C-alpha atoms as a PDB file:
ATOM      1  CA  MET A   1      16.224  76.118-108.537  1.00  0.00           C
ATOM      2  CA  ASP A   2      13.519  78.696-109.110  1.00  0.00           C
ATOM      3  CA  ILE A   3      11.712  79.863-105.975  1.00  0.00           C
ATOM      4  CA  LEU A   4       8.414  81.717-105.592  1.00  0.00           C
ATOM      5  CA  VAL A   5       7.747  83.800-102.475  1.00  0.00           C
ATOM      6  CA  CYS A   6       4.147  84.755-101.677  1.00  0.00           C
ATOM      7  CA  VAL A   7       4.104  88.265-100.210  1.00  0.00           C
ATOM      8  CA  LYS A   8       1.319  90.022 -98.344  1.00  0.00           C
ATOM      9  CA  GLN A   9       0.971  93.723 -97.599  1.00  0.00           C
ATOM     10  CA  VAL A  10       0.068  94.465 -93.969  1.00  0.00           C
ATOM     11  CA  PRO A  11      -0.307  97.586 -91.831  1.00  0.00           C
ATOM     12  CA  ASP A  12       3.025  98.716 -90.415  1.00  0.00           C
ATOM     13  CA  ASP A  13       3.342  96.708 -87.193  1.00  0.00           C
ATOM     14  CA  PHE A  14       5.269  99.515 -85.490  1.00  0.00           C
ATOM     15  CA  VAL A  15       1.990 101.438 -85.301  1.00  0.00           C
ATOM     16  CA  GLU A  16      -0.404 100.672 -82.452  1.00  0.00           C
ATOM     17  CA  VAL A  17      -3.781  99.567 -83.795  1.00  0.00           C
ATOM     18  CA  HIS A  18      -7.133 100.151 -82.098  1.00  0.00           C
ATOM     19  CA  LEU A  19     -10.672  99.179 -82.998  1.00  0.00           C
ATOM     20  CA  ASP A  20     -12.823 101.573 -84.996  1.00  0.00           C
ATOM     21  CA  PRO A  21     -15.660 102.641 -82.622  1.00  0.00           C
ATOM     22  CA  ALA A  22     -18.166 102.551 -85.485  1.00  0.00           C
ATOM     23  CA  THR A  23     -17.308  99.151 -86.981  1.00  0.00           C
ATOM     24  CA  GLN A  24     -15.473  97.460 -84.100  1.00  0.00           C
ATOM     25  CA  ALA A  25     -12.905  96.291 -86.662  1.00  0.00           C
ATOM     26  CA  PRO A  26      -9.190  97.187 -86.580  1.00  0.00           C
ATOM     27  CA  ALA A  27      -8.760 100.783 -87.742  1.00  0.00           C
ATOM     28  CA  THR A  28      -5.941 100.380 -90.265  1.00  0.00           C
ATOM     29  CA  ALA A  29      -7.058 102.568 -93.177  1.00  0.00           C
ATOM     30  CA  GLU A  30      -4.602 105.371 -92.346  1.00  0.00           C
ATOM     31  CA  ILE A  31      -1.650 103.110 -91.525  1.00  0.00           C
ATOM     32  CA  GLU A  32       1.096 102.687 -94.120  1.00  0.00           C
ATOM     33  CA  ARG A  33       1.179  99.267 -95.808  1.00  0.00           C
ATOM     34  CA  VAL A  34       4.457  97.338 -95.838  1.00  0.00           C
ATOM     35  CA  ALA A  35       5.576  93.859 -96.792  1.00  0.00           C
ATOM     36  CA  ASN A  36       4.798  91.340 -94.049  1.00  0.00           C
ATOM     37  CA  ALA A  37       7.905  90.841 -91.895  1.00  0.00           C
ATOM     38  CA  PHE A  38       7.920  87.037 -92.148  1.00  0.00           C
ATOM     39  CA  ASP A  39       7.573  87.320 -95.927  1.00  0.00           C
ATOM     40  CA  THR A  40      10.726  89.461 -96.009  1.00  0.00           C
ATOM     41  CA  TYR A  41      12.519  86.697 -94.079  1.00  0.00           C
ATOM     42  CA  ALA A  42      11.308  84.268 -96.755  1.00  0.00           C
ATOM     43  CA  VAL A  43      12.675  86.556 -99.469  1.00  0.00           C
ATOM     44  CA  GLU A  44      16.072  86.803 -97.776  1.00  0.00           C
ATOM     45  CA  LEU A  45      16.254  83.025 -97.323  1.00  0.00           C
ATOM     46  CA  ALA A  46      15.319  82.482-100.991  1.00  0.00           C
ATOM     47  CA  VAL A  47      17.884  85.009-102.244  1.00  0.00           C
ATOM     48  CA  ARG A  48      20.637  83.446-100.137  1.00  0.00           C
ATOM     49  CA  TYR A  49      19.704  79.970-101.379  1.00  0.00           C
ATOM     50  CA  CYS A  50      19.925  81.073-105.020  1.00  0.00           C
ATOM     51  CA  GLU A  51      23.170  82.970-104.466  1.00  0.00           C
ATOM     52  CA  ALA A  52      24.699  79.768-103.107  1.00  0.00           C
ATOM     53  CA  ASN A  53      23.088  77.209-105.403  1.00  0.00           C
ATOM     54  CA  GLY A  54      21.827  79.062-108.482  1.00  0.00           C
ATOM     55  CA  GLY A  55      18.298  79.854-109.540  1.00  0.00           C
ATOM     56  CA  THR A  56      15.886  82.773-109.492  1.00  0.00           C
ATOM     57  CA  VAL A  57      13.526  84.328-106.964  1.00  0.00           C
ATOM     58  CA  THR A  58      10.054  85.510-107.949  1.00  0.00           C
ATOM     59  CA  ALA A  59       7.690  87.417-105.646  1.00  0.00           C
ATOM     60  CA  ALA A  60       3.900  87.435-106.034  1.00  0.00           C
ATOM     61  CA  CYS A  61       1.365  89.560-104.196  1.00  0.00           C
ATOM     62  CA  ILE A  62      -2.426  89.811-104.244  1.00  0.00           C
ATOM     63  CA  GLY A  63      -3.228  93.443-103.508  1.00  0.00           C
ATOM     64  CA  PRO A  64      -3.857  96.973-104.785  1.00  0.00           C
ATOM     65  CA  GLU A  65      -1.704  99.014-107.205  1.00  0.00           C
ATOM     66  CA  THR A  66       0.115 100.535-104.238  1.00  0.00           C
ATOM     67  CA  ALA A  67       1.668  97.133-103.514  1.00  0.00           C
ATOM     68  CA  LYS A  68       3.994  97.787-106.458  1.00  0.00           C
ATOM     69  CA  ASN A  69       6.230  99.835-104.168  1.00  0.00           C
ATOM     70  CA  ALA A  70       6.628  96.952-101.726  1.00  0.00           C
ATOM     71  CA  LEU A  71       7.489  94.596-104.593  1.00  0.00           C
ATOM     72  CA  LYS A  72      10.066  97.048-105.975  1.00  0.00           C
ATOM     73  CA  ASN A  73      11.665  97.176-102.527  1.00  0.00           C
ATOM     74  CA  LEU A  74      12.017  93.389-102.694  1.00  0.00           C
ATOM     75  CA  ILE A  75      13.585  93.592-106.159  1.00  0.00           C
ATOM     76  CA  ALA A  76      16.125  95.975-104.637  1.00  0.00           C
ATOM     77  CA  VAL A  77      17.246  93.243-102.237  1.00  0.00           C
ATOM     78  CA  GLY A  78      17.589  90.403-104.712  1.00  0.00           C
ATOM     79  CA  VAL A  79      14.213  89.327-106.100  1.00  0.00           C
ATOM     80  CA  ASN A  80      14.563  88.761-109.863  1.00  0.00           C
ATOM     81  CA  LYS A  81      10.960  89.394-110.920  1.00  0.00           C
ATOM     82  CA  ALA A  82       7.633  90.172-109.323  1.00  0.00           C
ATOM     83  CA  TYR A  83       3.948  89.888-110.197  1.00  0.00           C
ATOM     84  CA  LEU A  84       1.079  91.872-108.707  1.00  0.00           C
ATOM     85  CA  PHE A  85      -2.418  90.420-108.793  1.00  0.00           C
ATOM     86  CA  ASN A  86      -4.747  93.381-108.498  1.00  0.00           C
ATOM     87  CA  ALA A  87      -7.609  91.435-106.970  1.00  0.00           C
ATOM     88  CA  GLU A  88      -7.796  92.956-103.505  1.00  0.00           C
ATOM     89  CA  ASP A  89     -11.506  92.218-103.213  1.00  0.00           C
ATOM     90  CA  LEU A  90     -10.653  88.505-103.168  1.00  0.00           C
ATOM     91  CA  ALA A  91      -8.312  88.989-100.204  1.00  0.00           C
ATOM     92  CA  ALA A  92     -11.309  89.304 -97.881  1.00  0.00           C
ATOM     93  CA  GLY A  93     -12.004  85.556 -97.974  1.00  0.00           C
ATOM     94  CA  ASP A  94     -11.101  83.100 -95.231  1.00  0.00           C
ATOM     95  CA  ASP A  95      -7.732  81.327 -95.139  1.00  0.00           C
ATOM     96  CA  GLY A  96      -8.947  78.417 -97.247  1.00  0.00           C
ATOM     97  CA  ALA A  97     -10.103  80.785 -99.981  1.00  0.00           C
ATOM     98  CA  LYS A  98      -6.827  82.698 -99.874  1.00  0.00           C
ATOM     99  CA  ALA A  99      -4.868  79.452-100.219  1.00  0.00           C
ATOM    100  CA  GLY A 100      -6.984  78.564-103.230  1.00  0.00           C
ATOM    101  CA  TYR A 101      -6.239  81.936-104.836  1.00  0.00           C
ATOM    102  CA  LEU A 102      -2.515  81.542-104.146  1.00  0.00           C
ATOM    103  CA  ALA A 103      -2.484  78.084-105.730  1.00  0.00           C
ATOM    104  CA  GLN A 104      -3.779  79.663-108.938  1.00  0.00           C
ATOM    105  CA  VAL A 105      -1.305  82.542-108.550  1.00  0.00           C
ATOM    106  CA  VAL A 106       1.576  80.038-108.432  1.00  0.00           C
ATOM    107  CA  LYS A 107       0.323  78.383-111.615  1.00  0.00           C
ATOM    108  CA  THR A 108      -0.094  81.730-113.394  1.00  0.00           C
ATOM    109  CA  CYS A 109       3.398  82.914-112.382  1.00  0.00           C
ATOM    110  CA  GLU A 110       4.856  79.698-113.801  1.00  0.00           C
ATOM    111  CA  GLU A 111       3.006  80.226-117.068  1.00  0.00           C
ATOM    112  CA  LYS A 112       4.003  83.893-117.339  1.00  0.00           C
ATOM    113  CA  SER A 113       7.672  83.383-116.426  1.00  0.00           C
ATOM    114  CA  GLY A 114       8.171  80.062-118.203  1.00  0.00           C
ATOM    115  CA  VAL A 115       9.703  78.336-115.172  1.00  0.00           C
ATOM    116  CA  HIS A 116       8.600  75.611-112.784  1.00  0.00           C
ATOM    117  CA  PHE A 117       9.074  76.555-109.148  1.00  0.00           C
ATOM    118  CA  GLY A 118      10.939  73.978-107.107  1.00  0.00           C
ATOM    119  CA  LEU A 119       9.999  75.721-103.869  1.00  0.00           C
ATOM    120  CA  VAL A 120       7.126  77.973-102.800  1.00  0.00           C
ATOM    121  CA  LEU A 121       7.685  80.042 -99.654  1.00  0.00           C
ATOM    122  CA  CYS A 122       5.310  81.960 -97.388  1.00  0.00           C
ATOM    123  CA  GLY A 123       5.957  83.732 -94.121  1.00  0.00           C
ATOM    124  CA  LYS A 124       4.916  81.509 -91.220  1.00  0.00           C
ATOM    125  CA  GLU A 125       2.206  84.066 -90.371  1.00  0.00           C
ATOM    126  CA  SER A 126       1.124  87.593 -91.200  1.00  0.00           C
ATOM    127  CA  THR A 127       1.590  90.296 -88.594  1.00  0.00           C
ATOM    128  CA  ASP A 128      -1.967  91.564 -88.988  1.00  0.00           C
ATOM    129  CA  GLU A 129      -4.080  88.445 -88.403  1.00  0.00           C
ATOM    130  CA  ILE A 130      -1.374  86.054 -87.069  1.00  0.00           C
ATOM    131  CA  ARG A 131      -3.303  82.885 -87.928  1.00  0.00           C
ATOM    132  CA  GLY A 132      -0.497  80.993 -89.663  1.00  0.00           C
ATOM    133  CA  GLN A 133      -2.749  78.683 -91.693  1.00  0.00           C
ATOM    134  CA  VAL A 134      -2.510  79.793 -95.318  1.00  0.00           C
ATOM    135  CA  GLY A 135       0.846  78.154 -96.082  1.00  0.00           C
ATOM    136  CA  ALA A 136      -0.296  74.735 -94.896  1.00  0.00           C
ATOM    137  CA  MET A 137      -3.573  75.038 -96.788  1.00  0.00           C
ATOM    138  CA  LEU A 138      -1.705  76.099 -99.929  1.00  0.00           C
ATOM    139  CA  ALA A 139       0.453  72.972 -99.748  1.00  0.00           C
ATOM    140  CA  GLU A 140      -2.642  70.808 -99.346  1.00  0.00           C
ATOM    141  CA  LYS A 141      -4.388  72.409-102.318  1.00  0.00           C
ATOM    142  CA  MET A 142      -1.287  71.955-104.478  1.00  0.00           C
ATOM    143  CA  GLY A 143      -0.661  68.417-103.229  1.00  0.00           C
ATOM    144  CA  LEU A 144       2.918  69.248-102.212  1.00  0.00           C
ATOM    145  CA  PRO A 145       5.135  68.413 -99.192  1.00  0.00           C
ATOM    146  CA  PHE A 146       4.959  70.975 -96.412  1.00  0.00           C
ATOM    147  CA  VAL A 147       7.205  72.076 -93.529  1.00  0.00           C
ATOM    148  CA  SER A 148       6.380  74.976 -91.194  1.00  0.00           C
ATOM    149  CA  SER A 149       8.608  77.431 -89.320  1.00  0.00           C
ATOM    150  CA  VAL A 150      11.642  76.744 -91.505  1.00  0.00           C
ATOM    151  CA  ILE A 151      14.824  78.707 -90.798  1.00  0.00           C
ATOM    152  CA  GLU A 152      17.245  77.052 -93.242  1.00  0.00           C
ATOM    153  CA  VAL A 153      16.981  75.286 -96.611  1.00  0.00           C
ATOM    154  CA  ALA A 154      19.644  73.272 -98.424  1.00  0.00           C
ATOM    155  CA  PRO A 155      19.677  71.171-101.609  1.00  0.00           C
ATOM    156  CA  ASN A 156      19.551  67.388-101.238  1.00  0.00           C
ATOM    157  CA  GLY A 157      19.971  65.747-104.630  1.00  0.00           C
ATOM    158  CA  ASP A 158      16.682  66.287-106.431  1.00  0.00           C
ATOM    159  CA  GLY A 159      15.016  67.238-103.148  1.00  0.00           C
ATOM    160  CA  LEU A 160      15.487  69.586-100.233  1.00  0.00           C
ATOM    161  CA  ILE A 161      16.529  69.631 -96.599  1.00  0.00           C
ATOM    162  CA  ALA A 162      14.568  71.964 -94.319  1.00  0.00           C
ATOM    163  CA  LYS A 163      15.534  72.877 -90.784  1.00  0.00           C
ATOM    164  CA  GLN A 164      12.556  73.736 -88.600  1.00  0.00           C
ATOM    165  CA  GLU A 165      12.627  75.799 -85.428  1.00  0.00           C
ATOM    166  CA  THR A 166      10.853  74.072 -82.519  1.00  0.00           C
ATOM    167  CA  GLU A 167      10.488  74.772 -78.808  1.00  0.00           C
ATOM    168  CA  ASP A 168      13.057  72.046 -78.116  1.00  0.00           C
ATOM    169  CA  GLY A 169      15.632  72.985 -80.753  1.00  0.00           C
ATOM    170  CA  ILE A 170      15.977  72.275 -84.470  1.00  0.00           C
ATOM    171  CA  ALA A 171      14.197  69.497 -86.391  1.00  0.00           C
ATOM    172  CA  THR A 172      15.560  68.464 -89.800  1.00  0.00           C
ATOM    173  CA  TYR A 173      13.326  67.205 -92.619  1.00  0.00           C
ATOM    174  CA  GLU A 174      13.963  65.860 -96.101  1.00  0.00           C
ATOM    175  CA  THR A 175      11.294  66.560 -98.717  1.00  0.00           C
ATOM    176  CA  ALA A 176      10.848  66.146-102.424  1.00  0.00           C
ATOM    177  CA  SER A 177      10.829  69.200-104.681  1.00  0.00           C
ATOM    178  CA  PRO A 178       8.593  71.050-105.398  1.00  0.00           C
ATOM    179  CA  ALA A 179       7.461  71.772-101.859  1.00  0.00           C
ATOM    180  CA  VAL A 180       5.825  74.516 -99.802  1.00  0.00           C
ATOM    181  CA  TYR A 181       7.568  75.876 -96.700  1.00  0.00           C
ATOM    182  CA  THR A 182       6.578  78.616 -94.279  1.00  0.00           C
ATOM    183  CA  ILE A 183       9.481  80.658 -92.958  1.00  0.00           C
ATOM    184  CA  ALA A 184      10.194  81.736 -89.391  1.00  0.00           C
ATOM    185  CA  LYS A 185      12.859  84.293 -88.478  1.00  0.00           C
ATOM    186  CA  PRO A 186      16.258  82.814 -89.344  1.00  0.00           C
ATOM    187  CA  GLY A 187      19.493  83.721 -87.608  1.00  0.00           C
ATOM    188  CA  TYR A 188      19.964  86.826 -89.738  1.00  0.00           C
ATOM    189  CA  ASP A 189      18.004  89.912 -90.763  1.00  0.00           C
ATOM    190  CA  PRO A 190      16.921  90.854 -94.285  1.00  0.00           C
ATOM    191  CA  ARG A 191      19.617  92.790 -96.124  1.00  0.00           C
ATOM    192  CA  TYR A 192      19.410  96.503 -96.842  1.00  0.00           C
ATOM    193  CA  PRO A 193      19.383  97.623-100.479  1.00  0.00           C
ATOM    194  CA  SER A 194      22.262  99.596-101.909  1.00  0.00           C
ATOM    195  CA  ILE A 195      21.615 102.963-103.572  1.00  0.00           C
ATOM    196  CA  LYS A 196      22.420 101.363-106.933  1.00  0.00           C
ATOM    197  CA  SER A 197      19.960  98.490-106.423  1.00  0.00           C
ATOM    198  CA  LYS A 198      17.241 100.893-105.232  1.00  0.00           C
ATOM    199  CA  MET A 199      17.645 103.043-108.323  1.00  0.00           C
ATOM    200  CA  ALA A 200      17.507  99.985-110.582  1.00  0.00           C
ATOM    201  CA  ALA A 201      14.435  98.625-108.781  1.00  0.00           C
ATOM    202  CA  ARG A 202      12.545 101.873-109.376  1.00  0.00           C
ATOM    203  CA  LYS A 203      12.749 101.183-113.114  1.00  0.00           C
ATOM    204  CA  ALA A 204      11.644  97.559-112.814  1.00  0.00           C
ATOM    205  CA  GLU A 205       8.521  96.609-114.721  1.00  0.00           C
ATOM    206  CA  ILE A 206       6.051  94.745-112.527  1.00  0.00           C
ATOM    207  CA  PRO A 207       3.239  93.067-114.478  1.00  0.00           C
ATOM    208  CA  VAL A 208      -0.150  93.808-112.966  1.00  0.00           C
ATOM    209  CA  LEU A 209      -2.613  90.979-113.549  1.00  0.00           C
ATOM    210  CA  THR A 210      -6.329  91.017-112.907  1.00  0.00           C
ATOM    211  CA  ALA A 211      -8.321  88.246-111.293  1.00  0.00           C
ATOM    212  CA  ALA A 212      -9.484  87.254-114.780  1.00  0.00           C
ATOM    213  CA  ASP A 213      -5.861  87.047-116.006  1.00  0.00           C
ATOM    214  CA  ALA A 214      -5.144  84.460-113.322  1.00  0.00           C
ATOM    215  CA  GLY A 215      -8.464  82.678-113.562  1.00  0.00           C
ATOM    216  CA  LEU A 216      -9.358  83.806-110.052  1.00  0.00           C
ATOM    217  CA  SER A 217     -13.000  83.909-109.058  1.00  0.00           C
ATOM    218  CA  ALA A 218     -14.567  84.519-105.662  1.00  0.00           C
ATOM    219  CA  VAL A 219     -14.688  81.488-103.371  1.00  0.00           C
ATOM    220  CA  GLU A 220     -17.298  81.317-100.648  1.00  0.00           C
ATOM    221  CA  SER A 221     -15.778  81.533 -97.185  1.00  0.00           C
ATOM    222  CA  VAL A 222     -16.678  78.798 -94.734  1.00  0.00           C
ATOM    223  CA  VAL A 223     -15.077  80.525 -91.738  1.00  0.00           C
ATOM    224  CA  THR A 224     -16.191  83.998 -90.644  1.00  0.00           C
ATOM    225  CA  CYS A 225     -14.637  86.276 -88.042  1.00  0.00           C
ATOM    226  CA  THR A 226     -17.548  87.392 -85.880  1.00  0.00           C
ATOM    227  CA  SER A 227     -15.835  90.040 -83.752  1.00  0.00           C
ATOM    228  CA  TYR A 228     -12.598  91.614 -82.535  1.00  0.00           C
ATOM    229  CA  THR A 229     -11.714  92.452 -78.945  1.00  0.00           C
ATOM    230  CA  GLU A 230      -8.831  94.649 -77.858  1.00  0.00           C
ATOM    231  CA  PRO A 231      -6.482  93.106 -75.297  1.00  0.00           C
ATOM    232  CA  PRO A 232      -7.027  94.352 -71.731  1.00  0.00           C
ATOM    233  CA  LYS A 233      -4.871  97.270 -70.711  1.00  0.00           C
ATOM    234  CA  ARG A 234      -2.087  96.507 -68.314  1.00  0.00           C
ATOM    235  CA  GLU A 235      -2.505  97.824 -64.805  1.00  0.00           C
ATOM    236  CA  ALA A 236       0.077 100.302 -63.589  1.00  0.00           C
ATOM    237  CA  GLY A 237       2.957  98.679 -61.756  1.00  0.00           C
ATOM    238  CA  LEU A 238       4.216  99.532 -58.285  1.00  0.00           C
ATOM    239  CA  LEU A 239       7.406 101.551 -58.076  1.00  0.00           C
ATOM    240  CA  ILE A 240       9.591 100.468 -55.153  1.00  0.00           C
ATOM    241  CA  GLN A 241      11.807 103.382 -54.120  1.00  0.00           C
ATOM    242  CA  GLU A 242      13.657 102.035 -51.097  1.00  0.00           C
ATOM    243  CA  LYS A 243      17.366 102.849 -51.367  1.00  0.00           C
ATOM    244  CA  VAL A 244      18.569  99.857 -49.365  1.00  0.00           C
ATOM    245  CA  ALA A 245      18.395  96.586 -51.305  1.00  0.00           C
ATOM    246  CA  ALA A 246      17.188  94.587 -48.302  1.00  0.00           C
ATOM    247  CA  ASP A 247      14.333  97.040 -47.718  1.00  0.00           C
ATOM    248  CA  ALA A 248      13.360  96.935 -51.418  1.00  0.00           C
ATOM    249  CA  VAL A 249      13.271  93.138 -51.399  1.00  0.00           C
ATOM    250  CA  ALA A 250      11.244  93.098 -48.190  1.00  0.00           C
ATOM    251  CA  LYS A 251       8.676  95.494 -49.614  1.00  0.00           C
ATOM    252  CA  ALA A 252       8.447  93.541 -52.873  1.00  0.00           C
ATOM    253  CA  MET A 253       7.863  90.305 -50.947  1.00  0.00           C
ATOM    254  CA  ALA A 254       5.200  91.978 -48.798  1.00  0.00           C
ATOM    255  CA  VAL A 255       3.361  93.280 -51.870  1.00  0.00           C
ATOM    256  CA  MET A 256       3.465  89.885 -53.593  1.00  0.00           C
ATOM    257  CA  LYS A 257       2.221  88.168 -50.444  1.00  0.00           C
ATOM    258  CA  GLN A 258      -0.644  90.657 -50.197  1.00  0.00           C
ATOM    259  CA  ASP A 259      -1.573  89.938 -53.828  1.00  0.00           C
ATOM    260  CA  ASN A 260      -1.305  86.165 -53.275  1.00  0.00           C
ATOM    261  CA  ALA A 261       1.551  86.005 -55.789  1.00  0.00           C
ATOM    262  CA  LEU A 262       3.714  83.837 -53.537  1.00  0.00           C
END
């Protein structure tokens, strides 16, 4: 089965982000862009599925030229081919618009590669906005079955079995193929590339398509973010320094009682 993974570039989430005093928007211009963590989980799941059952993995990204490096890193860990849609100005739309663009991206990737994707994967959310809506909207626009927060996929005749992580355990679903799944963190981490695969990936040719190549045109957003607010800073904690355990517990209880925490 041929699988397409939709990949988004996001600011490195190891860097603390603050609001720009002038714009009151997240100040991310100077932060290195990396592949969204949940998208890398989707890539690893797709590669493992194809290693076990056959097929190919394609990655697609809407972003600037610099996103080529992120896509080459994914080729180094098992992606067979990748497409970059250099239409970053379209990425500013709301989630519904982005899902519409991705639906056309899927169609264009099928036309360019000559395959029909049996499964389209997205990370369950992006680490910059954390809204988790695009995957579901993409499935709706494509008219395909959808399962969220998937951690395992297996073949099931002409269809698929998806295991979904829930607060109460694991839910198992059967769907037809093609389908759209969003991927949560499975029970393993993405693999590291070997030196050989990294060297080969550097030479990989990644087609760069324009919005016109994919038939993408701006879609009016119907949802607008009106403002951002930084989370409140945590208050300093109280350090209890009593050496005797009973005294430390007594002081902790007294402080909690004073703060009405009991």
